[in-house]
Amino acid sequence: MAEPGLAVVEVAAADDETAFAIQQLLAARCVVAPADRTTREPGEPGVRLRCFLDLRQVPDA
C-alpha cells in the first residue's frame, strides 16, 4: 500500500476459533471493528469472518 488507510479483511478458516484468533492477531497491530460472528456457506467447509481495519491508527496498549 502507498499509505495506510481503511481495509476490509475477509478471513477463511477451518473453524470459528481459528477465525477469531486471526482477528485478534490483526487487532494487535491496528484498530479493528471486530466481527462478533462467522458465516458458513451451505455445502462448503469452514467459516468466513469479515472485519474492518483502520491502518492509520495504533491500538491502545
PDB file of N, CA and C in Angstrom:
ATOM      1  N   MET A   1       0.830  -1.174   0.000  1.00  0.00           N
ATOM      2  CA  MET A   1       0.000   0.000   0.000  1.00  0.00           C
ATOM      3  C   MET A   1       0.877   1.240   0.000  1.00  0.00           C
ATOM      4  N   ALA A   2       0.460   2.245  -0.725  1.00  0.00           N
ATOM      5  CA  ALA A   2       1.192   3.501  -0.789  1.00  0.00           C
ATOM      6  C   ALA A   2       1.139   4.245   0.539  1.00  0.00           C
ATOM      7  N   GLU A   3      -0.013   4.190   1.199  1.00  0.00           N
ATOM      8  CA  GLU A   3      -0.148   4.824   2.502  1.00  0.00           C
ATOM      9  C   GLU A   3      -1.230   4.098   3.300  1.00  0.00           C
ATOM     10  N   PRO A   4      -1.147   4.152   4.636  1.00  0.00           N
ATOM     11  CA  PRO A   4      -2.147   3.479   5.455  1.00  0.00           C
ATOM     12  C   PRO A   4      -3.542   4.069   5.253  1.00  0.00           C
ATOM     13  N   GLY A   5      -4.548   3.241   5.450  1.00  0.00           N
ATOM     14  CA  GLY A   5      -5.928   3.674   5.316  1.00  0.00           C
ATOM     15  C   GLY A   5      -6.869   2.657   5.907  1.00  0.00           C
ATOM     16  N   LEU A   6      -8.039   2.562   5.337  1.00  0.00           N
ATOM     17  CA  LEU A   6      -9.044   1.614   5.792  1.00  0.00           C
ATOM     18  C   LEU A   6      -9.001   0.369   4.925  1.00  0.00           C
ATOM     19  N   ALA A   7      -9.292  -0.785   5.531  1.00  0.00           N
ATOM     20  CA  ALA A   7      -9.273  -2.039   4.781  1.00  0.00           C
ATOM     21  C   ALA A   7     -10.363  -2.965   5.297  1.00  0.00           C
ATOM     22  N   VAL A   8     -10.863  -3.789   4.412  1.00  0.00           N
ATOM     23  CA  VAL A   8     -11.791  -4.853   4.771  1.00  0.00           C
ATOM     24  C   VAL A   8     -11.032  -6.159   4.593  1.00  0.00           C
ATOM     25  N   VAL A   9     -11.070  -6.994   5.618  1.00  0.00           N
ATOM     26  CA  VAL A   9     -10.376  -8.272   5.568  1.00  0.00           C
ATOM     27  C   VAL A   9     -11.402  -9.375   5.745  1.00  0.00           C
ATOM     28  N   GLU A  10     -11.389 -10.330   4.838  1.00  0.00           N
ATOM     29  CA  GLU A  10     -12.255 -11.496   4.969  1.00  0.00           C
ATOM     30  C   GLU A  10     -11.360 -12.700   5.230  1.00  0.00           C
ATOM     31  N   VAL A  11     -11.577 -13.319   6.369  1.00  0.00           N
ATOM     32  CA  VAL A  11     -10.784 -14.467   6.805  1.00  0.00           C
ATOM     33  C   VAL A  11     -11.549 -15.736   6.472  1.00  0.00           C
ATOM     34  N   ALA A  12     -10.900 -16.673   5.812  1.00  0.00           N
ATOM     35  CA  ALA A  12     -11.454 -18.005   5.586  1.00  0.00           C
ATOM     36  C   ALA A  12     -10.679 -18.956   6.487  1.00  0.00           C
ATOM     37  N   ALA A  13     -11.390 -19.676   7.351  1.00  0.00           N
ATOM     38  CA  ALA A  13     -10.735 -20.549   8.321  1.00  0.00           C
ATOM     39  C   ALA A  13     -11.501 -21.859   8.455  1.00  0.00           C
ATOM     40  N   ALA A  14     -10.850 -22.814   9.077  1.00  0.00           N
ATOM     41  CA  ALA A  14     -11.470 -24.129   9.266  1.00  0.00           C
ATOM     42  C   ALA A  14     -12.598 -24.088  10.292  1.00  0.00           C
ATOM     43  N   ASP A  15     -12.461 -23.188  11.309  1.00  0.00           N
ATOM     44  CA  ASP A  15     -13.475 -23.145  12.365  1.00  0.00           C
ATOM     45  C   ASP A  15     -13.527 -21.749  12.987  1.00  0.00           C
ATOM     46  N   ASP A  16     -14.540 -21.543  13.838  1.00  0.00           N
ATOM     47  CA  ASP A  16     -14.721 -20.241  14.486  1.00  0.00           C
ATOM     48  C   ASP A  16     -13.507 -19.840  15.312  1.00  0.00           C
ATOM     49  N   GLU A  17     -12.985 -20.775  16.084  1.00  0.00           N
ATOM     50  CA  GLU A  17     -11.851 -20.478  16.965  1.00  0.00           C
ATOM     51  C   GLU A  17     -10.668 -19.920  16.180  1.00  0.00           C
ATOM     52  N   THR A  18     -10.354 -20.511  15.060  1.00  0.00           N
ATOM     53  CA  THR A  18      -9.243 -20.053  14.230  1.00  0.00           C
ATOM     54  C   THR A  18      -9.531 -18.678  13.635  1.00  0.00           C
ATOM     55  N   ALA A  19     -10.737 -18.464  13.147  1.00  0.00           N
ATOM     56  CA  ALA A  19     -11.101 -17.175  12.556  1.00  0.00           C
ATOM     57  C   ALA A  19     -10.977 -16.050  13.580  1.00  0.00           C
ATOM     58  N   PHE A  20     -11.466 -16.277  14.798  1.00  0.00           N
ATOM     59  CA  PHE A  20     -11.390 -15.242  15.833  1.00  0.00           C
ATOM     60  C   PHE A  20      -9.953 -15.030  16.319  1.00  0.00           C
ATOM     61  N   ALA A  21      -9.132 -16.078  16.290  1.00  0.00           N
ATOM     62  CA  ALA A  21      -7.719 -15.931  16.657  1.00  0.00           C
ATOM     63  C   ALA A  21      -6.999 -15.035  15.649  1.00  0.00           C
ATOM     64  N   ILE A  22      -7.304 -15.192  14.387  1.00  0.00           N
ATOM     65  CA  ILE A  22      -6.701 -14.331  13.359  1.00  0.00           C
ATOM     66  C   ILE A  22      -7.155 -12.891  13.549  1.00  0.00           C
ATOM     67  N   GLN A  23      -8.426 -12.698  13.864  1.00  0.00           N
ATOM     68  CA  GLN A  23      -8.932 -11.342  14.125  1.00  0.00           C
ATOM     69  C   GLN A  23      -8.168 -10.704  15.298  1.00  0.00           C
ATOM     70  N   GLN A  24      -7.891 -11.488  16.336  1.00  0.00           N
ATOM     71  CA  GLN A  24      -7.139 -10.982  17.485  1.00  0.00           C
ATOM     72  C   GLN A  24      -5.713 -10.583  17.095  1.00  0.00           C
ATOM     73  N   LEU A  25      -5.085 -11.364  16.224  1.00  0.00           N
ATOM     74  CA  LEU A  25      -3.742 -11.016  15.751  1.00  0.00           C
ATOM     75  C   LEU A  25      -3.756  -9.687  15.004  1.00  0.00           C
ATOM     76  N   LEU A  26      -4.772  -9.478  14.182  1.00  0.00           N
ATOM     77  CA  LEU A  26      -4.897  -8.209  13.463  1.00  0.00           C
ATOM     78  C   LEU A  26      -5.122  -7.056  14.428  1.00  0.00           C
ATOM     79  N   ALA A  27      -5.919  -7.284  15.466  1.00  0.00           N
ATOM     80  CA  ALA A  27      -6.230  -6.237  16.444  1.00  0.00           C
ATOM     81  C   ALA A  27      -4.996  -5.804  17.230  1.00  0.00           C
ATOM     82  N   ALA A  28      -3.989  -6.652  17.310  1.00  0.00           N
ATOM     83  CA  ALA A  28      -2.758  -6.287  18.000  1.00  0.00           C
ATOM     84  C   ALA A  28      -1.922  -5.299  17.192  1.00  0.00           C
ATOM     85  N   ARG A  29      -2.173  -5.201  15.887  1.00  0.00           N
ATOM     86  CA  ARG A  29      -1.369  -4.356  15.012  1.00  0.00           C
ATOM     87  C   ARG A  29      -2.076  -3.095  14.545  1.00  0.00           C
ATOM     88  N   CYS A  30      -3.390  -3.093  14.530  1.00  0.00           N
ATOM     89  CA  CYS A  30      -4.141  -1.930  14.063  1.00  0.00           C
ATOM     90  C   CYS A  30      -5.518  -1.925  14.714  1.00  0.00           C
ATOM     91  N   VAL A  31      -6.227  -0.828  14.569  1.00  0.00           N
ATOM     92  CA  VAL A  31      -7.567  -0.718  15.145  1.00  0.00           C
ATOM     93  C   VAL A  31      -8.530  -1.525  14.284  1.00  0.00           C
ATOM     94  N   VAL A  32      -9.335  -2.361  14.929  1.00  0.00           N
ATOM     95  CA  VAL A  32     -10.248  -3.264  14.234  1.00  0.00           C
ATOM     96  C   VAL A  32     -11.672  -3.020  14.715  1.00  0.00           C
ATOM     97  N   ALA A  33     -12.605  -2.969  13.763  1.00  0.00           N
ATOM     98  CA  ALA A  33     -14.023  -3.061  14.100  1.00  0.00           C
ATOM     99  C   ALA A  33     -14.322  -4.550  14.042  1.00  0.00           C
ATOM    100  N   PRO A  34     -14.340  -5.211  15.197  1.00  0.00           N
ATOM    101  CA  PRO A  34     -14.398  -6.678  15.197  1.00  0.00           C
ATOM    102  C   PRO A  34     -15.748  -7.242  14.782  1.00  0.00           C
ATOM    103  N   ALA A  35     -15.670  -8.419  14.203  1.00  0.00           N
ATOM    104  CA  ALA A  35     -16.876  -9.184  13.889  1.00  0.00           C
ATOM    105  C   ALA A  35     -17.236  -9.993  15.120  1.00  0.00           C
ATOM    106  N   ASP A  36     -18.515 -10.200  15.349  1.00  0.00           N
ATOM    107  CA  ASP A  36     -18.927 -10.990  16.508  1.00  0.00           C
ATOM    108  C   ASP A  36     -19.426 -12.375  16.124  1.00  0.00           C
ATOM    109  N   ARG A  37     -19.460 -12.656  14.815  1.00  0.00           N
ATOM    110  CA  ARG A  37     -19.883 -13.982  14.373  1.00  0.00           C
ATOM    111  C   ARG A  37     -19.253 -14.298  13.025  1.00  0.00           C
ATOM    112  N   THR A  38     -19.214 -15.575  12.716  1.00  0.00           N
ATOM    113  CA  THR A  38     -18.725 -16.033  11.416  1.00  0.00           C
ATOM    114  C   THR A  38     -19.922 -16.425  10.558  1.00  0.00           C
ATOM    115  N   THR A  39     -19.665 -16.639   9.282  1.00  0.00           N
ATOM    116  CA  THR A  39     -20.706 -17.130   8.382  1.00  0.00           C
ATOM    117  C   THR A  39     -20.247 -18.444   7.762  1.00  0.00           C
ATOM    118  N   ARG A  40     -21.211 -19.230   7.351  1.00  0.00           N
ATOM    119  CA  ARG A  40     -20.940 -20.512   6.699  1.00  0.00           C
ATOM    120  C   ARG A  40     -21.728 -20.574   5.403  1.00  0.00           C
ATOM    121  N   GLU A  41     -21.106 -21.111   4.382  1.00  0.00           N
ATOM    122  CA  GLU A  41     -21.786 -21.353   3.105  1.00  0.00           C
ATOM    123  C   GLU A  41     -22.278 -22.794   3.116  1.00  0.00           C
ATOM    124  N   PRO A  42     -23.568 -23.023   2.900  1.00  0.00           N
ATOM    125  CA  PRO A  42     -24.081 -24.400   2.889  1.00  0.00           C
ATOM    126  C   PRO A  42     -23.315 -25.272   1.889  1.00  0.00           C
ATOM    127  N   GLY A  43     -22.905 -26.428   2.346  1.00  0.00           N
ATOM    128  CA  GLY A  43     -22.198 -27.373   1.496  1.00  0.00           C
ATOM    129  C   GLY A  43     -20.710 -27.100   1.347  1.00  0.00           C
ATOM    130  N   GLU A  44     -20.218 -25.995   1.903  1.00  0.00           N
ATOM    131  CA  GLU A  44     -18.795 -25.641   1.831  1.00  0.00           C
ATOM    132  C   GLU A  44     -18.150 -25.849   3.198  1.00  0.00           C
ATOM    133  N   PRO A  45     -16.910 -26.310   3.225  1.00  0.00           N
ATOM    134  CA  PRO A  45     -16.231 -26.477   4.510  1.00  0.00           C
ATOM    135  C   PRO A  45     -15.769 -25.137   5.077  1.00  0.00           C
ATOM    136  N   GLY A  46     -15.621 -25.065   6.381  1.00  0.00           N
ATOM    137  CA  GLY A  46     -15.043 -23.899   7.029  1.00  0.00           C
ATOM    138  C   GLY A  46     -16.010 -22.749   7.239  1.00  0.00           C
ATOM    139  N   VAL A  47     -15.426 -21.638   7.722  1.00  0.00           N
ATOM    140  CA  VAL A  47     -16.195 -20.436   8.041  1.00  0.00           C
ATOM    141  C   VAL A  47     -15.507 -19.213   7.445  1.00  0.00           C
ATOM    142  N   ARG A  48     -16.238 -18.116   7.409  1.00  0.00           N
ATOM    143  CA  ARG A  48     -15.687 -16.833   6.963  1.00  0.00           C
ATOM    144  C   ARG A  48     -16.001 -15.784   8.018  1.00  0.00           C
ATOM    145  N   LEU A  49     -15.090 -14.853   8.167  1.00  0.00           N
ATOM    146  CA  LEU A  49     -15.248 -13.758   9.109  1.00  0.00           C
ATOM    147  C   LEU A  49     -14.780 -12.491   8.413  1.00  0.00           C
ATOM    148  N   ARG A  50     -15.576 -11.455   8.443  1.00  0.00           N
ATOM    149  CA  ARG A  50     -15.208 -10.181   7.816  1.00  0.00           C
ATOM    150  C   ARG A  50     -15.051  -9.137   8.905  1.00  0.00           C
ATOM    151  N   CYS A  51     -13.886  -8.469   8.919  1.00  0.00           N
ATOM    152  CA  CYS A  51     -13.658  -7.381   9.870  1.00  0.00           C
ATOM    153  C   CYS A  51     -13.078  -6.181   9.125  1.00  0.00           C
ATOM    154  N   PHE A  52     -13.167  -5.043   9.766  1.00  0.00           N
ATOM    155  CA  PHE A  52     -12.747  -3.779   9.164  1.00  0.00           C
ATOM    156  C   PHE A  52     -11.571  -3.229   9.952  1.00  0.00           C
ATOM    157  N   LEU A  53     -10.519  -2.840   9.231  1.00  0.00           N
ATOM    158  CA  LEU A  53      -9.293  -2.350   9.856  1.00  0.00           C
ATOM    159  C   LEU A  53      -9.074  -0.885   9.541  1.00  0.00           C
ATOM    160  N   ASP A  54      -8.518  -0.170  10.512  1.00  0.00           N
ATOM    161  CA  ASP A  54      -8.056   1.200  10.283  1.00  0.00           C
ATOM    162  C   ASP A  54      -6.548   1.187  10.476  1.00  0.00           C
ATOM    163  N   LEU A  55      -5.819   1.145   9.384  1.00  0.00           N
ATOM    164  CA  LEU A  55      -4.362   1.032   9.422  1.00  0.00           C
ATOM    165  C   LEU A  55      -3.691   2.349   9.765  1.00  0.00           C
ATOM    166  N   ARG A  56      -4.463   3.411   9.911  1.00  0.00           N
ATOM    167  CA  ARG A  56      -3.901   4.716  10.253  1.00  0.00           C
ATOM    168  C   ARG A  56      -3.712   4.875  11.750  1.00  0.00           C
ATOM    169  N   GLN A  57      -4.356   4.018  12.542  1.00  0.00           N
ATOM    170  CA  GLN A  57      -4.300   4.136  13.988  1.00  0.00           C
ATOM    171  C   GLN A  57      -3.668   2.917  14.612  1.00  0.00           C
ATOM    172  N   VAL A  58      -3.016   3.133  15.747  1.00  0.00           N
ATOM    173  CA  VAL A  58      -2.409   2.048  16.516  1.00  0.00           C
ATOM    174  C   VAL A  58      -3.337   1.762  17.685  1.00  0.00           C
ATOM    175  N   PRO A  59      -3.594   0.480  17.980  1.00  0.00           N
ATOM    176  CA  PRO A  59      -4.481   0.174  19.102  1.00  0.00           C
ATOM    177  C   PRO A  59      -3.887   0.636  20.439  1.00  0.00           C
ATOM    178  N   ASP A  60      -4.764   0.873  21.416  1.00  0.00           N
ATOM    179  CA  ASP A  60      -4.307   1.247  22.752  1.00  0.00           C
ATOM    180  C   ASP A  60      -3.496   0.102  23.343  1.00  0.00           C
ATOM    181  N   ALA A  61      -2.463   0.482  24.056  1.00  0.00           N
ATOM    182  CA  ALA A  61      -1.606  -0.540  24.672  1.00  0.00           C
ATOM    183  C   ALA A  61      -2.239  -1.105  25.908  1.00  0.00           C
TER     184      ALA A  61
END
